[in-house]
Amino acid sequence: MAINFKELASKTGEKAKNLGEKGWAASKDFMTKASEKAQDLSEKGMTAIEIKQLQSQEKKLVAQLGQTVHKLLIEDQVESINIDTPDVKATLLEIAAVQEEITKKNKILTPEE
């Protein structure tokens, strides 16, 4: 039985070429998926930072509301304060807007399934 080295080398070369192409495609696919995942994590990280900033803003607004109520009651000696008191209402609307934005951002981080 004679071995045709030329034919064997040709077949081996074809197999190596096919494996190389498959390996390249698999590597390309892996890199694409890894890049997409990194982008997703980056966006989620930025969203988490935005949420922290909004929560800080909300706390400042609540403190501002307390200061406003204190000023109205103590300094201005207003007898009654309610949700429609102009300074109170304005701050409450700001707080509600910030809370709504926080809710939107949280939905980005934890989408409903």
Protein backbone atom coordinates (compact mmCIF):
# COMPACT_ATOMS: atom_id res chain seq x y z
CA MET A 1 0.00 0.00 0.00
CA ALA A 2 1.53 3.24 -1.17
CA ILE A 3 0.93 6.51 0.63
CA ASN A 4 0.30 9.48 -1.60
CA PHE A 5 1.96 12.22 0.45
CA LYS A 6 0.92 14.94 -1.95
CA GLU A 7 -2.76 14.01 -1.61
CA LEU A 8 -2.44 13.62 2.18
CA ALA A 9 -0.79 17.03 2.48
CA SER A 10 -3.53 18.56 0.34
CA LYS A 11 -6.31 17.06 2.48
CA THR A 12 -4.53 18.09 5.68
CA GLY A 13 -4.13 21.61 4.32
CA GLU A 14 -7.83 21.82 3.46
CA LYS A 15 -8.81 20.61 6.93
CA ALA A 16 -6.47 23.13 8.55
CA LYS A 17 -7.91 25.89 6.38
CA ASN A 18 -11.48 24.90 7.34
CA LEU A 19 -10.57 24.77 11.03
CA GLY A 20 -8.90 28.16 10.74
CA GLU A 21 -11.98 29.70 9.12
CA LYS A 22 -14.25 28.15 11.76
CA GLY A 23 -11.94 29.32 14.52
CA TRP A 24 -11.87 32.84 13.09
CA ALA A 25 -15.66 32.91 12.86
CA ALA A 26 -15.98 31.64 16.43
CA SER A 27 -13.47 34.22 17.66
CA LYS A 28 -15.25 36.99 15.81
CA ASP A 29 -18.59 35.88 17.24
CA PHE A 30 -17.13 35.72 20.75
CA MET A 31 -15.59 39.19 20.44
CA THR A 32 -18.86 40.64 19.15
CA LYS A 33 -20.80 39.16 22.07
CA ALA A 34 -18.16 40.30 24.56
CA SER A 35 -18.26 43.81 23.12
CA GLU A 36 -22.06 43.92 23.31
CA LYS A 37 -21.98 42.71 26.93
CA ALA A 38 -19.36 45.30 27.86
CA GLN A 39 -21.46 48.03 26.26
CA ASP A 40 -24.54 46.84 28.16
CA LEU A 41 -22.66 46.79 31.46
CA SER A 42 -21.27 50.25 30.76
CA GLU A 43 -24.75 51.64 30.07
CA LYS A 44 -26.14 50.00 33.21
CA GLY A 45 -23.26 51.41 35.23
CA MET A 46 -24.01 54.91 33.96
CA THR A 47 -27.70 54.44 34.73
CA ALA A 48 -26.85 53.34 38.28
CA ILE A 49 -24.74 56.48 38.73
CA GLU A 50 -27.59 58.63 37.40
CA ILE A 51 -29.97 56.99 39.89
CA LYS A 52 -27.59 57.78 42.78
CA GLN A 53 -27.41 61.41 41.63
CA LEU A 54 -31.20 61.62 41.41
CA GLN A 55 -31.57 60.10 44.88
CA SER A 56 -29.16 62.72 46.22
CA GLN A 57 -31.17 65.44 44.49
CA GLU A 58 -34.36 64.02 46.02
CA LYS A 59 -32.85 64.16 49.52
CA LYS A 60 -31.83 67.79 48.98
CA LEU A 61 -35.35 68.65 47.85
CA VAL A 62 -36.87 66.98 50.91
CA ALA A 63 -34.49 68.99 53.10
CA GLN A 64 -35.47 72.13 51.18
CA LEU A 65 -39.13 71.29 51.80
CA GLY A 66 -38.44 71.04 55.52
CA GLN A 67 -36.66 74.39 55.50
CA THR A 68 -39.54 75.98 53.59
CA VAL A 69 -42.12 74.64 56.04
CA HIS A 70 -39.99 75.76 58.98
CA LYS A 71 -39.63 79.25 57.51
CA LEU A 72 -43.34 79.53 56.83
CA LEU A 73 -44.33 78.35 60.31
CA ILE A 74 -41.65 80.02 62.43
CA GLU A 75 -40.41 83.08 60.58
CA ASP A 76 -43.49 84.01 58.56
CA GLN A 77 -45.86 82.68 61.26
CA VAL A 78 -48.24 81.17 58.72
CA GLU A 79 -51.01 79.42 60.64
CA SER A 80 -51.77 76.70 58.14
CA ILE A 81 -49.71 74.95 55.50
CA ASN A 82 -51.01 72.37 53.05
CA ILE A 83 -50.16 70.82 49.71
CA ASP A 84 -51.43 73.90 47.88
CA THR A 85 -49.21 76.38 49.73
CA PRO A 86 -47.20 77.84 46.79
CA ASP A 87 -43.64 77.23 48.05
CA VAL A 88 -44.58 73.80 49.36
CA LYS A 89 -46.37 72.82 46.15
CA ALA A 90 -43.44 73.83 43.95
CA THR A 91 -41.00 71.70 45.94
CA LEU A 92 -43.40 68.75 46.07
CA LEU A 93 -43.73 68.89 42.28
CA GLU A 94 -39.94 68.84 41.92
CA ILE A 95 -39.70 65.86 44.27
CA ALA A 96 -42.39 64.01 42.29
CA ALA A 97 -40.54 64.68 39.02
CA VAL A 98 -37.27 63.34 40.45
CA GLN A 99 -39.02 60.25 41.84
CA GLU A 100 -40.58 59.59 38.43
CA GLU A 101 -37.16 59.83 36.79
CA ILE A 102 -35.72 57.42 39.37
CA THR A 103 -38.52 54.96 38.58
CA LYS A 104 -37.76 55.19 34.84
CA LYS A 105 -34.05 54.61 35.41
CA ASN A 106 -34.74 51.64 37.70
CA LYS A 107 -36.83 50.04 34.95
CA ILE A 108 -33.80 50.27 32.67
CA LEU A 109 -31.71 48.37 35.22
CA THR A 110 -34.36 45.79 36.03
CA PRO A 111 -36.60 45.32 33.00
CA GLU A 112 -39.82 43.40 33.52
CA GLU A 113 -39.74 39.89 32.09
